[in-house]
């Protein structure tokens, strides 16, 4: 399931890059004028091209956003458990203390409780 959504996500990203590159530049940053290096005729000219490309960019951006959220939710559910930036107390996936070679492993917090008094018989 996530592989299919990932492929759709990549195709949307490629299409969005193409549509954005087809749009006419607003400013003359390189002195070229209107996008594409100059020239008048194309298969779409004027306002119709601007409106169609603007609408398709907005639609592709919304689809990109939705597939990003979907992939994020699927990754969270596949990993299991709620997402957290804090280390877990169980040691799985969280930070663990550094162990120096030749020293005993640190004991569990329960074993570090206060020593009990010896029982008399």
PDB file of N, CA and C in Angstrom:
ATOM      1  N   UNK A   1       0.829  -1.197   0.000  1.00  0.00           N
ATOM      2  CA  UNK A   1       0.000   0.000   0.000  1.00  0.00           C
ATOM      3  C   UNK A   1       0.870   1.256   0.000  1.00  0.00           C
ATOM      4  N   UNK A   2       1.854   1.276   0.899  1.00  0.00           N
ATOM      5  CA  UNK A   2       2.690   2.473   0.977  1.00  0.00           C
ATOM      6  C   UNK A   2       3.569   2.618  -0.272  1.00  0.00           C
ATOM      7  N   UNK A   3       3.918   1.503  -0.908  1.00  0.00           N
ATOM      8  CA  UNK A   3       4.722   1.577  -2.123  1.00  0.00           C
ATOM      9  C   UNK A   3       3.933   2.232  -3.253  1.00  0.00           C
ATOM     10  N   UNK A   4       2.672   1.904  -3.363  1.00  0.00           N
ATOM     11  CA  UNK A   4       1.822   2.503  -4.402  1.00  0.00           C
ATOM     12  C   UNK A   4       1.680   3.999  -4.159  1.00  0.00           C
ATOM     13  N   UNK A   5       1.442   4.381  -2.915  1.00  0.00           N
ATOM     14  CA  UNK A   5       1.289   5.799  -2.597  1.00  0.00           C
ATOM     15  C   UNK A   5       2.608   6.533  -2.811  1.00  0.00           C
ATOM     16  N   UNK A   6       3.723   5.877  -2.507  1.00  0.00           N
ATOM     17  CA  UNK A   6       5.027   6.489  -2.736  1.00  0.00           C
ATOM     18  C   UNK A   6       5.277   6.723  -4.230  1.00  0.00           C
ATOM     19  N   UNK A   7       4.896   5.763  -5.061  1.00  0.00           N
ATOM     20  CA  UNK A   7       5.042   5.940  -6.514  1.00  0.00           C
ATOM     21  C   UNK A   7       4.168   7.084  -7.022  1.00  0.00           C
ATOM     22  N   UNK A   8       2.940   7.164  -6.531  1.00  0.00           N
ATOM     23  CA  UNK A   8       2.052   8.265  -6.902  1.00  0.00           C
ATOM     24  C   UNK A   8       2.658   9.594  -6.457  1.00  0.00           C
ATOM     25  N   UNK A   9       3.218   9.606  -5.262  1.00  0.00           N
ATOM     26  CA  UNK A   9       3.850  10.806  -4.705  1.00  0.00           C
ATOM     27  C   UNK A   9       5.006  11.280  -5.598  1.00  0.00           C
ATOM     28  N   UNK A  10       5.830  10.351  -6.045  1.00  0.00           N
ATOM     29  CA  UNK A  10       6.965  10.708  -6.902  1.00  0.00           C
ATOM     30  C   UNK A  10       6.470  11.221  -8.257  1.00  0.00           C
ATOM     31  N   UNK A  11       5.446  10.587  -8.811  1.00  0.00           N
ATOM     32  CA  UNK A  11       4.906  11.053 -10.094  1.00  0.00           C
ATOM     33  C   UNK A  11       4.305  12.451  -9.970  1.00  0.00           C
ATOM     34  N   UNK A  12       3.628  12.718  -8.865  1.00  0.00           N
ATOM     35  CA  UNK A  12       3.069  14.056  -8.632  1.00  0.00           C
ATOM     36  C   UNK A  12       4.197  15.080  -8.517  1.00  0.00           C
ATOM     37  N   UNK A  13       5.271  14.708  -7.825  1.00  0.00           N
ATOM     38  CA  UNK A  13       6.399  15.634  -7.665  1.00  0.00           C
ATOM     39  C   UNK A  13       7.032  15.961  -9.017  1.00  0.00           C
ATOM     40  N   UNK A  14       7.199  14.952  -9.856  1.00  0.00           N
ATOM     41  CA  UNK A  14       7.793  15.181 -11.184  1.00  0.00           C
ATOM     42  C   UNK A  14       6.866  16.043 -12.040  1.00  0.00           C
ATOM     43  N   UNK A  15       5.568  15.767 -11.984  1.00  0.00           N
ATOM     44  CA  UNK A  15       4.608  16.560 -12.749  1.00  0.00           C
ATOM     45  C   UNK A  15       4.578  18.000 -12.250  1.00  0.00           C
ATOM     46  N   UNK A  16       4.676  18.191 -10.937  1.00  0.00           N
ATOM     47  CA  UNK A  16       4.649  19.537 -10.386  1.00  0.00           C
ATOM     48  C   UNK A  16       5.885  20.336 -10.815  1.00  0.00           C
ATOM     49  N   UNK A  17       7.043  19.682 -10.845  1.00  0.00           N
ATOM     50  CA  UNK A  17       8.254  20.356 -11.317  1.00  0.00           C
ATOM     51  C   UNK A  17       8.080  20.771 -12.776  1.00  0.00           C
ATOM     52  N   UNK A  18       7.534  19.885 -13.593  1.00  0.00           N
ATOM     53  CA  UNK A  18       7.317  20.210 -15.002  1.00  0.00           C
ATOM     54  C   UNK A  18       6.352  21.362 -15.193  1.00  0.00           C
ATOM     55  N   UNK A  19       5.248  21.363 -14.457  1.00  0.00           N
ATOM     56  CA  UNK A  19       4.256  22.425 -14.591  1.00  0.00           C
ATOM     57  C   UNK A  19       4.830  23.759 -14.113  1.00  0.00           C
ATOM     58  N   UNK A  20       5.594  23.729 -13.047  1.00  0.00           N
ATOM     59  CA  UNK A  20       6.190  24.969 -12.542  1.00  0.00           C
ATOM     60  C   UNK A  20       7.208  25.518 -13.546  1.00  0.00           C
ATOM     61  N   UNK A  21       7.969  24.643 -14.168  1.00  0.00           N
ATOM     62  CA  UNK A  21       8.949  25.107 -15.156  1.00  0.00           C
ATOM     63  C   UNK A  21       8.282  25.636 -16.428  1.00  0.00           C
ATOM     64  N   UNK A  22       7.076  25.194 -16.736  1.00  0.00           N
ATOM     65  CA  UNK A  22       6.362  25.698 -17.903  1.00  0.00           C
ATOM     66  C   UNK A  22       5.781  27.091 -17.690  1.00  0.00           C
ATOM     67  N   UNK A  23       5.620  27.499 -16.440  1.00  0.00           N
ATOM     68  CA  UNK A  23       4.987  28.779 -16.161  1.00  0.00           C
ATOM     69  C   UNK A  23       5.877  29.935 -16.577  1.00  0.00           C
ATOM     70  N   UNK A  24       5.248  31.006 -16.898  1.00  0.00           N
ATOM     71  CA  UNK A  24       5.951  32.211 -17.331  1.00  0.00           C
ATOM     72  C   UNK A  24       6.517  32.921 -16.106  1.00  0.00           C
ATOM     73  N   UNK A  25       7.748  33.383 -16.230  1.00  0.00           N
ATOM     74  CA  UNK A  25       8.362  34.075 -15.107  1.00  0.00           C
ATOM     75  C   UNK A  25       7.758  35.468 -14.965  1.00  0.00           C
ATOM     76  N   UNK A  26       7.604  35.907 -13.730  1.00  0.00           N
ATOM     77  CA  UNK A  26       7.000  37.206 -13.458  1.00  0.00           C
ATOM     78  C   UNK A  26       8.009  38.333 -13.613  1.00  0.00           C
ATOM     79  N   UNK A  27       9.211  38.118 -13.124  1.00  0.00           N
ATOM     80  CA  UNK A  27      10.204  39.177 -13.171  1.00  0.00           C
ATOM     81  C   UNK A  27      11.236  38.886 -14.241  1.00  0.00           C
ATOM     82  N   UNK A  28      11.951  39.907 -14.656  1.00  0.00           N
ATOM     83  CA  UNK A  28      12.992  39.721 -15.637  1.00  0.00           C
ATOM     84  C   UNK A  28      14.336  39.582 -14.957  1.00  0.00           C
ATOM     85  N   UNK A  29      14.494  38.591 -14.118  1.00  0.00           N
ATOM     86  CA  UNK A  29      15.707  38.445 -13.323  1.00  0.00           C
ATOM     87  C   UNK A  29      16.936  38.264 -14.195  1.00  0.00           C
ATOM     88  N   UNK A  30      16.808  37.565 -15.312  1.00  0.00           N
ATOM     89  CA  UNK A  30      17.956  37.348 -16.186  1.00  0.00           C
ATOM     90  C   UNK A  30      17.903  38.221 -17.438  1.00  0.00           C
ATOM     91  N   UNK A  31      16.925  39.096 -17.494  1.00  0.00           N
ATOM     92  CA  UNK A  31      16.811  39.966 -18.647  1.00  0.00           C
ATOM     93  C   UNK A  31      16.209  39.294 -19.857  1.00  0.00           C
ATOM     94  N   UNK A  32      15.666  38.120 -19.692  1.00  0.00           N
ATOM     95  CA  UNK A  32      15.118  37.374 -20.823  1.00  0.00           C
ATOM     96  C   UNK A  32      13.719  37.868 -21.160  1.00  0.00           C
ATOM     97  N   UNK A  33      12.979  38.281 -20.165  1.00  0.00           N
ATOM     98  CA  UNK A  33      11.622  38.733 -20.423  1.00  0.00           C
ATOM     99  C   UNK A  33      10.631  37.683 -19.988  1.00  0.00           C
ATOM    100  N   UNK A  34       9.779  37.217 -20.881  1.00  0.00           N
ATOM    101  CA  UNK A  34       8.782  36.225 -20.536  1.00  0.00           C
ATOM    102  C   UNK A  34       9.318  34.842 -20.754  1.00  0.00           C
ATOM    103  N   UNK A  35       9.026  33.923 -19.918  1.00  0.00           N
ATOM    104  CA  UNK A  35       9.619  32.598 -19.837  1.00  0.00           C
ATOM    105  C   UNK A  35       9.928  31.916 -21.147  1.00  0.00           C
ATOM    106  N   UNK A  36      10.930  31.110 -21.154  1.00  0.00           N
ATOM    107  CA  UNK A  36      11.278  30.328 -22.317  1.00  0.00           C
ATOM    108  C   UNK A  36      12.315  30.967 -23.213  1.00  0.00           C
ATOM    109  N   UNK A  37      12.798  32.120 -22.909  1.00  0.00           N
ATOM    110  CA  UNK A  37      13.859  32.704 -23.689  1.00  0.00           C
ATOM    111  C   UNK A  37      13.395  33.646 -24.761  1.00  0.00           C
ATOM    112  N   UNK A  38      12.240  33.792 -24.928  1.00  0.00           N
ATOM    113  CA  UNK A  38      11.846  34.802 -25.860  1.00  0.00           C
ATOM    114  C   UNK A  38      10.807  34.375 -26.792  1.00  0.00           C
ATOM    115  N   UNK A  39      10.242  34.411 -27.411  1.00  0.00           N
ATOM    116  CA  UNK A  39       9.459  34.128 -28.516  1.00  0.00           C
ATOM    117  C   UNK A  39       7.986  34.140 -28.270  1.00  0.00           C
ATOM    118  N   UNK A  40       7.241  34.446 -29.248  1.00  0.00           N
ATOM    119  CA  UNK A  40       5.827  34.662 -29.060  1.00  0.00           C
ATOM    120  C   UNK A  40       5.003  33.414 -29.059  1.00  0.00           C
ATOM    121  N   UNK A  41       5.056  32.613 -30.070  1.00  0.00           N
ATOM    122  CA  UNK A  41       4.070  31.555 -30.226  1.00  0.00           C
ATOM    123  C   UNK A  41       4.390  30.302 -29.465  1.00  0.00           C
ATOM    124  N   UNK A  42       3.381  29.732 -28.940  1.00  0.00           N
ATOM    125  CA  UNK A  42       3.484  28.451 -28.272  1.00  0.00           C
ATOM    126  C   UNK A  42       2.153  27.769 -28.436  1.00  0.00           C
ATOM    127  N   UNK A  43       2.007  26.600 -27.887  1.00  0.00           N
ATOM    128  CA  UNK A  43       0.719  25.943 -28.059  1.00  0.00           C
ATOM    129  C   UNK A  43      -0.320  26.535 -27.118  1.00  0.00           C
ATOM    130  N   UNK A  44       0.118  27.195 -26.043  1.00  0.00           N
ATOM    131  CA  UNK A  44      -0.788  27.937 -25.170  1.00  0.00           C
ATOM    132  C   UNK A  44      -0.212  29.328 -24.998  1.00  0.00           C
ATOM    133  N   UNK A  45      -1.016  30.321 -25.210  1.00  0.00           N
ATOM    134  CA  UNK A  45      -0.512  31.679 -25.052  1.00  0.00           C
ATOM    135  C   UNK A  45      -1.479  32.491 -24.207  1.00  0.00           C
ATOM    136  N   UNK A  46      -0.967  33.553 -23.661  1.00  0.00           N
ATOM    137  CA  UNK A  46      -1.819  34.505 -22.964  1.00  0.00           C
ATOM    138  C   UNK A  46      -2.365  34.008 -21.647  1.00  0.00           C
ATOM    139  N   UNK A  47      -3.562  34.470 -21.367  1.00  0.00           N
ATOM    140  CA  UNK A  47      -4.166  34.187 -20.069  1.00  0.00           C
ATOM    141  C   UNK A  47      -4.572  32.736 -19.890  1.00  0.00           C
ATOM    142  N   UNK A  48      -4.984  32.096 -20.957  1.00  0.00           N
ATOM    143  CA  UNK A  48      -5.448  30.712 -20.821  1.00  0.00           C
ATOM    144  C   UNK A  48      -4.327  29.813 -20.322  1.00  0.00           C
ATOM    145  N   UNK A  49      -3.114  30.046 -20.792  1.00  0.00           N
ATOM    146  CA  UNK A  49      -1.986  29.243 -20.324  1.00  0.00           C
ATOM    147  C   UNK A  49      -1.703  29.524 -18.866  1.00  0.00           C
ATOM    148  N   UNK A  50      -1.747  30.806 -18.483  1.00  0.00           N
ATOM    149  CA  UNK A  50      -1.488  31.172 -17.096  1.00  0.00           C
ATOM    150  C   UNK A  50      -2.516  30.582 -16.151  1.00  0.00           C
ATOM    151  N   UNK A  51      -3.781  30.668 -16.531  1.00  0.00           N
ATOM    152  CA  UNK A  51      -4.834  30.138 -15.662  1.00  0.00           C
ATOM    153  C   UNK A  51      -4.758  28.618 -15.550  1.00  0.00           C
ATOM    154  N   UNK A  52      -4.548  27.947 -16.684  1.00  0.00           N
ATOM    155  CA  UNK A  52      -4.502  26.481 -16.660  1.00  0.00           C
ATOM    156  C   UNK A  52      -3.297  25.991 -15.867  1.00  0.00           C
ATOM    157  N   UNK A  53      -2.144  26.611 -16.064  1.00  0.00           N
ATOM    158  CA  UNK A  53      -0.954  26.191 -15.335  1.00  0.00           C
ATOM    159  C   UNK A  53      -1.062  26.512 -13.851  1.00  0.00           C
ATOM    160  N   UNK A  54      -1.667  27.639 -13.509  1.00  0.00           N
ATOM    161  CA  UNK A  54      -1.844  28.002 -12.104  1.00  0.00           C
ATOM    162  C   UNK A  54      -2.780  27.019 -11.414  1.00  0.00           C
ATOM    163  N   UNK A  55      -3.880  26.684 -12.085  1.00  0.00           N
ATOM    164  CA  UNK A  55      -4.830  25.735 -11.494  1.00  0.00           C
ATOM    165  C   UNK A  55      -4.215  24.346 -11.356  1.00  0.00           C
ATOM    166  N   UNK A  56      -3.492  23.912 -12.385  1.00  0.00           N
ATOM    167  CA  UNK A  56      -2.887  22.582 -12.306  1.00  0.00           C
ATOM    168  C   UNK A  56      -1.792  22.539 -11.241  1.00  0.00           C
ATOM    169  N   UNK A  57      -1.070  23.645 -11.061  1.00  0.00           N
ATOM    170  CA  UNK A  57      -0.067  23.694  -9.993  1.00  0.00           C
ATOM    171  C   UNK A  57      -0.733  23.587  -8.628  1.00  0.00           C
ATOM    172  N   UNK A  58      -1.844  24.275  -8.442  1.00  0.00           N
ATOM    173  CA  UNK A  58      -2.560  24.223  -7.163  1.00  0.00           C
ATOM    174  C   UNK A  58      -3.102  22.821  -6.899  1.00  0.00           C
ATOM    175  N   UNK A  59      -3.630  22.175  -7.939  1.00  0.00           N
ATOM    176  CA  UNK A  59      -4.168  20.820  -7.763  1.00  0.00           C
ATOM    177  C   UNK A  59      -3.046  19.833  -7.447  1.00  0.00           C
ATOM    178  N   UNK A  60      -1.935  19.938  -8.177  1.00  0.00           N
ATOM    179  CA  UNK A  60      -0.800  19.047  -7.917  1.00  0.00           C
ATOM    180  C   UNK A  60      -0.208  19.284  -6.527  1.00  0.00           C
ATOM    181  N   UNK A  61      -0.165  20.546  -6.100  1.00  0.00           N
ATOM    182  CA  UNK A  61       0.353  20.846  -4.764  1.00  0.00           C
ATOM    183  C   UNK A  61      -0.545  20.249  -3.686  1.00  0.00           C
ATOM    184  N   UNK A  62      -1.854  20.323  -3.869  1.00  0.00           N
ATOM    185  CA  UNK A  62      -2.776  19.733  -2.896  1.00  0.00           C
ATOM    186  C   UNK A  62      -2.624  18.208  -2.859  1.00  0.00           C
ATOM    187  N   UNK A  63      -2.485  17.589  -4.024  1.00  0.00           N
ATOM    188  CA  UNK A  63      -2.274  16.135  -4.066  1.00  0.00           C
ATOM    189  C   UNK A  63      -0.949  15.745  -3.419  1.00  0.00           C
ATOM    190  N   UNK A  64       0.095  16.552  -3.657  1.00  0.00           N
ATOM    191  CA  UNK A  64       1.395  16.300  -3.044  1.00  0.00           C
ATOM    192  C   UNK A  64       1.293  16.379  -1.531  1.00  0.00           C
ATOM    193  N   UNK A  65       0.576  17.359  -1.032  1.00  0.00           N
ATOM    194  CA  UNK A  65       0.373  17.525   0.406  1.00  0.00           C
ATOM    195  C   UNK A  65      -0.377  16.326   0.987  1.00  0.00           C
ATOM    196  N   UNK A  66      -1.425  15.882   0.302  1.00  0.00           N
ATOM    197  CA  UNK A  66      -2.214  14.745   0.807  1.00  0.00           C
ATOM    198  C   UNK A  66      -1.411  13.444   0.799  1.00  0.00           C
ATOM    199  N   UNK A  67      -0.638  13.216  -0.252  1.00  0.00           N
ATOM    200  CA  UNK A  67       0.164  11.990  -0.270  1.00  0.00           C
ATOM    201  C   UNK A  67       1.280  12.042   0.768  1.00  0.00           C
ATOM    202  N   UNK A  68       1.804  13.239   1.036  1.00  0.00           N
ATOM    203  CA  UNK A  68       2.815  13.370   2.090  1.00  0.00           C
ATOM    204  C   UNK A  68       2.228  13.010   3.450  1.00  0.00           C
ATOM    205  N   UNK A  69       1.044  13.530   3.742  1.00  0.00           N
ATOM    206  CA  UNK A  69       0.383  13.206   5.015  1.00  0.00           C
ATOM    207  C   UNK A  69       0.051  11.722   5.105  1.00  0.00           C
ATOM    208  N   UNK A  70      -0.428  11.152   4.011  1.00  0.00           N
ATOM    209  CA  UNK A  70      -0.780   9.736   4.004  1.00  0.00           C
ATOM    210  C   UNK A  70       0.443   8.860   4.258  1.00  0.00           C
ATOM    211  N   UNK A  71       1.560   9.187   3.602  1.00  0.00           N
ATOM    212  CA  UNK A  71       2.788   8.419   3.820  1.00  0.00           C
ATOM    213  C   UNK A  71       3.285   8.551   5.254  1.00  0.00           C
ATOM    214  N   UNK A  72       3.144   9.735   5.821  1.00  0.00           N
ATOM    215  CA  UNK A  72       3.561   9.946   7.209  1.00  0.00           C
ATOM    216  C   UNK A  72       2.707   9.128   8.169  1.00  0.00           C
ATOM    217  N   UNK A  73       1.414   9.108   7.949  1.00  0.00           N
ATOM    218  CA  UNK A  73       0.512   8.333   8.817  1.00  0.00           C
ATOM    219  C   UNK A  73       0.783   6.843   8.680  1.00  0.00           C
ATOM    220  N   UNK A  74       0.981   6.382   7.448  1.00  0.00           N
ATOM    221  CA  UNK A  74       1.277   4.960   7.244  1.00  0.00           C
ATOM    222  C   UNK A  74       2.595   4.557   7.897  1.00  0.00           C
ATOM    223  N   UNK A  75       3.589   5.403   7.826  1.00  0.00           N
ATOM    224  CA  UNK A  75       4.878   5.089   8.449  1.00  0.00           C
ATOM    225  C   UNK A  75       4.745   5.012   9.963  1.00  0.00           C
ATOM    226  N   UNK A  76       3.927   5.871  10.541  1.00  0.00           N
ATOM    227  CA  UNK A  76       3.712   5.843  11.990  1.00  0.00           C
ATOM    228  C   UNK A  76       3.010   4.562  12.405  1.00  0.00           C
ATOM    229  N   UNK A  77       2.007   4.141  11.639  1.00  0.00           N
ATOM    230  CA  UNK A  77       1.280   2.924  11.991  1.00  0.00           C
ATOM    231  C   UNK A  77       2.113   1.671  11.766  1.00  0.00           C
ATOM    232  N   UNK A  78       2.960   1.666  10.754  1.00  0.00           N
ATOM    233  CA  UNK A  78       3.807   0.496  10.512  1.00  0.00           C
ATOM    234  C   UNK A  78       4.873   0.359  11.586  1.00  0.00           C
ATOM    235  N   UNK A  79       5.366   1.490  12.083  1.00  0.00           N
ATOM    236  CA  UNK A  79       6.381   1.452  13.133  1.00  0.00           C
ATOM    237  C   UNK A  79       5.760   1.004  14.446  1.00  0.00           C
ATOM    238  N   UNK A  80       4.524   1.336  14.666  1.00  0.00           N
ATOM    239  CA  UNK A  80       3.821   0.940  15.878  1.00  0.00           C
ATOM    240  C   UNK A  80       4.007   1.953  16.977  1.00  0.00           C
ATOM    241  N   UNK A  81       2.930   2.285  17.641  1.00  0.00           N
ATOM    242  CA  UNK A  81       2.994   3.206  18.751  1.00  0.00           C
ATOM    243  C   UNK A  81       2.942   4.653  18.309  1.00  0.00           C
ATOM    244  N   UNK A  82       2.699   5.516  19.273  1.00  0.00           N
ATOM    245  CA  UNK A  82       2.628   6.936  18.942  1.00  0.00           C
ATOM    246  C   UNK A  82       4.017   7.504  18.675  1.00  0.00           C
ATOM    247  N   UNK A  83       4.104   8.502  17.817  1.00  0.00           N
ATOM    248  CA  UNK A  83       5.411   9.099  17.543  1.00  0.00           C
ATOM    249  C   UNK A  83       5.900   9.895  18.748  1.00  0.00           C
ATOM    250  N   UNK A  84       7.181   9.851  18.994  1.00  0.00           N
ATOM    251  CA  UNK A  84       7.747  10.576  20.120  1.00  0.00           C
ATOM    252  C   UNK A  84       9.168  10.976  19.800  1.00  0.00           C
ATOM    253  N   UNK A  85       9.541  12.181  20.229  1.00  0.00           N
ATOM    254  CA  UNK A  85      10.920  12.607  20.063  1.00  0.00           C
ATOM    255  C   UNK A  85      11.730  12.337  21.318  1.00  0.00           C
ATOM    256  N   UNK A  86      11.055  11.928  22.376  1.00  0.00           N
ATOM    257  CA  UNK A  86      11.735  11.635  23.622  1.00  0.00           C
ATOM    258  C   UNK A  86      12.202  10.188  23.634  1.00  0.00           C
ATOM    259  N   UNK A  87      13.307   9.900  24.301  1.00  0.00           N
ATOM    260  CA  UNK A  87      13.755   8.503  24.357  1.00  0.00           C
ATOM    261  C   UNK A  87      12.775   7.661  25.170  1.00  0.00           C
ATOM    262  N   UNK A  88      12.599   6.427  24.735  1.00  0.00           N
ATOM    263  CA  UNK A  88      11.689   5.548  25.455  1.00  0.00           C
ATOM    264  C   UNK A  88      12.396   4.960  26.663  1.00  0.00           C
ATOM    265  N   UNK A  89      11.629   4.626  27.693  1.00  0.00           N
ATOM    266  CA  UNK A  89      12.219   4.110  28.921  1.00  0.00           C
ATOM    267  C   UNK A  89      12.649   2.656  28.774  1.00  0.00           C
ATOM    268  N   UNK A  90      12.100   1.936  27.778  1.00  0.00           N
ATOM    269  CA  UNK A  90      12.420   0.529  27.615  1.00  0.00           C
ATOM    270  C   UNK A  90      13.740   0.279  26.918  1.00  0.00           C
ATOM    271  N   UNK A  91      14.363   1.286  26.382  1.00  0.00           N
ATOM    272  CA  UNK A  91      15.627   1.103  25.704  1.00  0.00           C
ATOM    273  C   UNK A  91      15.486   0.780  24.227  1.00  0.00           C
ATOM    274  N   UNK A  92      14.288   0.524  23.754  1.00  0.00           N
ATOM    275  CA  UNK A  92      14.094   0.208  22.347  1.00  0.00           C
ATOM    276  C   UNK A  92      13.914   1.500  21.565  1.00  0.00           C
ATOM    277  N   UNK A  93      14.864   1.819  20.753  1.00  0.00           N
ATOM    278  CA  UNK A  93      14.771   3.024  19.949  1.00  0.00           C
ATOM    279  C   UNK A  93      15.151   4.285  20.696  1.00  0.00           C
ATOM    280  N   UNK A  94      15.338   4.204  21.986  1.00  0.00           N
ATOM    281  CA  UNK A  94      15.696   5.382  22.758  1.00  0.00           C
ATOM    282  C   UNK A  94      17.191   5.463  22.977  1.00  0.00           C
ATOM    283  N   UNK A  95      17.601   6.425  23.728  1.00  0.00           N
ATOM    284  CA  UNK A  95      19.014   6.587  24.015  1.00  0.00           C
ATOM    285  C   UNK A  95      19.434   5.627  25.113  1.00  0.00           C
ATOM    286  N   UNK A  96      20.577   5.032  24.983  1.00  0.00           N
ATOM    287  CA  UNK A  96      21.097   4.133  26.009  1.00  0.00           C
ATOM    288  C   UNK A  96      22.413   4.688  26.520  1.00  0.00           C
ATOM    289  N   UNK A  97      22.748   4.444  27.777  1.00  0.00           N
ATOM    290  CA  UNK A  97      24.008   4.972  28.298  1.00  0.00           C
ATOM    291  C   UNK A  97      25.198   4.291  27.641  1.00  0.00           C
ATOM    292  N   UNK A  98      26.302   5.003  27.590  1.00  0.00           N
ATOM    293  CA  UNK A  98      27.526   4.490  27.003  1.00  0.00           C
ATOM    294  C   UNK A  98      28.134   3.454  27.932  1.00  0.00           C
ATOM    295  N   UNK A  99      28.489   2.316  27.381  1.00  0.00           N
ATOM    296  CA  UNK A  99      29.122   1.276  28.179  1.00  0.00           C
ATOM    297  C   UNK A  99      30.583   1.170  27.777  1.00  0.00           C
ATOM    298  N   UNK A 100      31.464   1.306  28.750  1.00  0.00           N
ATOM    299  CA  UNK A 100      32.890   1.211  28.507  1.00  0.00           C
ATOM    300  C   UNK A 100      33.266  -0.261  28.506  1.00  0.00           C
ATOM    301  N   UNK A 101      34.040  -0.691  27.505  1.00  0.00           N
ATOM    302  CA  UNK A 101      34.423  -2.107  27.452  1.00  0.00           C
ATOM    303  C   UNK A 101      35.173  -2.518  28.720  1.00  0.00           C
ATOM    304  N   UNK A 102      34.879  -3.695  29.225  1.00  0.00           N
ATOM    305  CA  UNK A 102      35.525  -4.222  30.424  1.00  0.00           C
ATOM    306  C   UNK A 102      34.796  -3.867  31.704  1.00  0.00           C
ATOM    307  N   UNK A 103      33.726  -3.098  31.628  1.00  0.00           N
ATOM    308  CA  UNK A 103      32.941  -2.773  32.827  1.00  0.00           C
ATOM    309  C   UNK A 103      31.621  -3.507  32.754  1.00  0.00           C
ATOM    310  N   UNK A 104      31.022  -3.775  33.896  1.00  0.00           N
ATOM    311  CA  UNK A 104      29.727  -4.479  33.867  1.00  0.00           C
ATOM    312  C   UNK A 104      28.645  -3.574  33.269  1.00  0.00           C
ATOM    313  N   UNK A 105      27.672  -4.213  32.679  1.00  0.00           N
ATOM    314  CA  UNK A 105      26.552  -3.479  32.084  1.00  0.00           C
ATOM    315  C   UNK A 105      25.764  -2.788  33.189  1.00  0.00           C
ATOM    316  N   UNK A 106      25.205  -1.606  32.909  1.00  0.00           N
ATOM    317  CA  UNK A 106      24.401  -0.930  33.929  1.00  0.00           C
ATOM    318  C   UNK A 106      23.164  -1.746  34.249  1.00  0.00           C
ATOM    319  N   UNK A 107      22.805  -1.767  35.509  1.00  0.00           N
ATOM    320  CA  UNK A 107      21.647  -2.558  35.930  1.00  0.00           C
ATOM    321  C   UNK A 107      20.374  -1.757  35.731  1.00  0.00           C
ATOM    322  N   UNK A 108      19.272  -2.455  35.801  1.00  0.00           N
ATOM    323  CA  UNK A 108      17.971  -1.833  35.623  1.00  0.00           C
ATOM    324  C   UNK A 108      17.679  -0.901  36.793  1.00  0.00           C
ATOM    325  N   UNK A 109      16.841   0.125  36.587  1.00  0.00           N
ATOM    326  CA  UNK A 109      16.531   1.065  37.671  1.00  0.00           C
ATOM    327  C   UNK A 109      15.891   0.395  38.884  1.00  0.00           C
ATOM    328  N   UNK A 110      15.154  -0.703  38.661  1.00  0.00           N
ATOM    329  CA  UNK A 110      14.525  -1.371  39.797  1.00  0.00           C
ATOM    330  C   UNK A 110      15.581  -1.999  40.705  1.00  0.00           C
ATOM    331  N   UNK A 111      16.678  -2.454  40.138  1.00  0.00           N
ATOM    332  CA  UNK A 111      17.718  -3.106  40.922  1.00  0.00           C
ATOM    333  C   UNK A 111      18.547  -2.090  41.705  1.00  0.00           C
ATOM    334  N   UNK A 112      18.430  -0.810  41.393  1.00  0.00           N
ATOM    335  CA  UNK A 112      19.194   0.211  42.072  1.00  0.00           C
ATOM    336  C   UNK A 112      18.443   0.788  43.267  1.00  0.00           C
ATOM    337  N   UNK A 113      17.411   0.128  43.706  1.00  0.00           N
ATOM    338  CA  UNK A 113      16.642   0.602  44.855  1.00  0.00           C
ATOM    339  C   UNK A 113      17.515   0.529  46.102  1.00  0.00           C
ATOM    340  N   UNK A 114      17.045   1.167  47.165  1.00  0.00           N
ATOM    341  CA  UNK A 114      17.805   1.192  48.417  1.00  0.00           C
ATOM    342  C   UNK A 114      18.006  -0.230  48.937  1.00  0.00           C
ATOM    343  N   UNK A 115      19.206  -0.530  49.462  1.00  0.00           N
ATOM    344  CA  UNK A 115      19.450  -1.887  49.962  1.00  0.00           C
ATOM    345  C   UNK A 115      18.558  -2.186  51.159  1.00  0.00           C
ATOM    346  N   UNK A 116      18.141  -3.433  51.224  1.00  0.00           N
ATOM    347  CA  UNK A 116      17.274  -3.836  52.323  1.00  0.00           C
ATOM    348  C   UNK A 116      18.134  -4.295  53.495  1.00  0.00           C
ATOM    349  N   UNK A 117      17.588  -4.098  54.684  1.00  0.00           N
ATOM    350  CA  UNK A 117      18.292  -4.526  55.884  1.00  0.00           C
ATOM    351  C   UNK A 117      18.263  -6.054  55.983  1.00  0.00           C
ATOM    352  N   UNK A 118      19.357  -6.648  56.478  1.00  0.00           N
ATOM    353  CA  UNK A 118      19.356  -8.114  56.603  1.00  0.00           C
ATOM    354  C   UNK A 118      18.279  -8.575  57.582  1.00  0.00           C
ATOM    355  N   UNK A 119      17.682  -9.689  57.257  1.00  0.00           N
ATOM    356  CA  UNK A 119      16.625 -10.232  58.115  1.00  0.00           C
ATOM    357  C   UNK A 119      17.250 -11.111  59.187  1.00  0.00           C
ATOM    358  N   UNK A 120      16.764 -10.934  60.396  1.00  0.00           N
ATOM    359  CA  UNK A 120      17.273 -11.788  61.489  1.00  0.00           C
ATOM    360  C   UNK A 120      16.439 -13.042  61.607  1.00  0.00           C
ATOM    361  N   UNK A 121      17.124 -14.118  62.056  1.00  0.00           N
ATOM    362  CA  UNK A 121      16.412 -15.393  62.155  1.00  0.00           C
ATOM    363  C   UNK A 121      16.135 -15.738  63.567  1.00  0.00           C
TER     364      UNK A 121
END
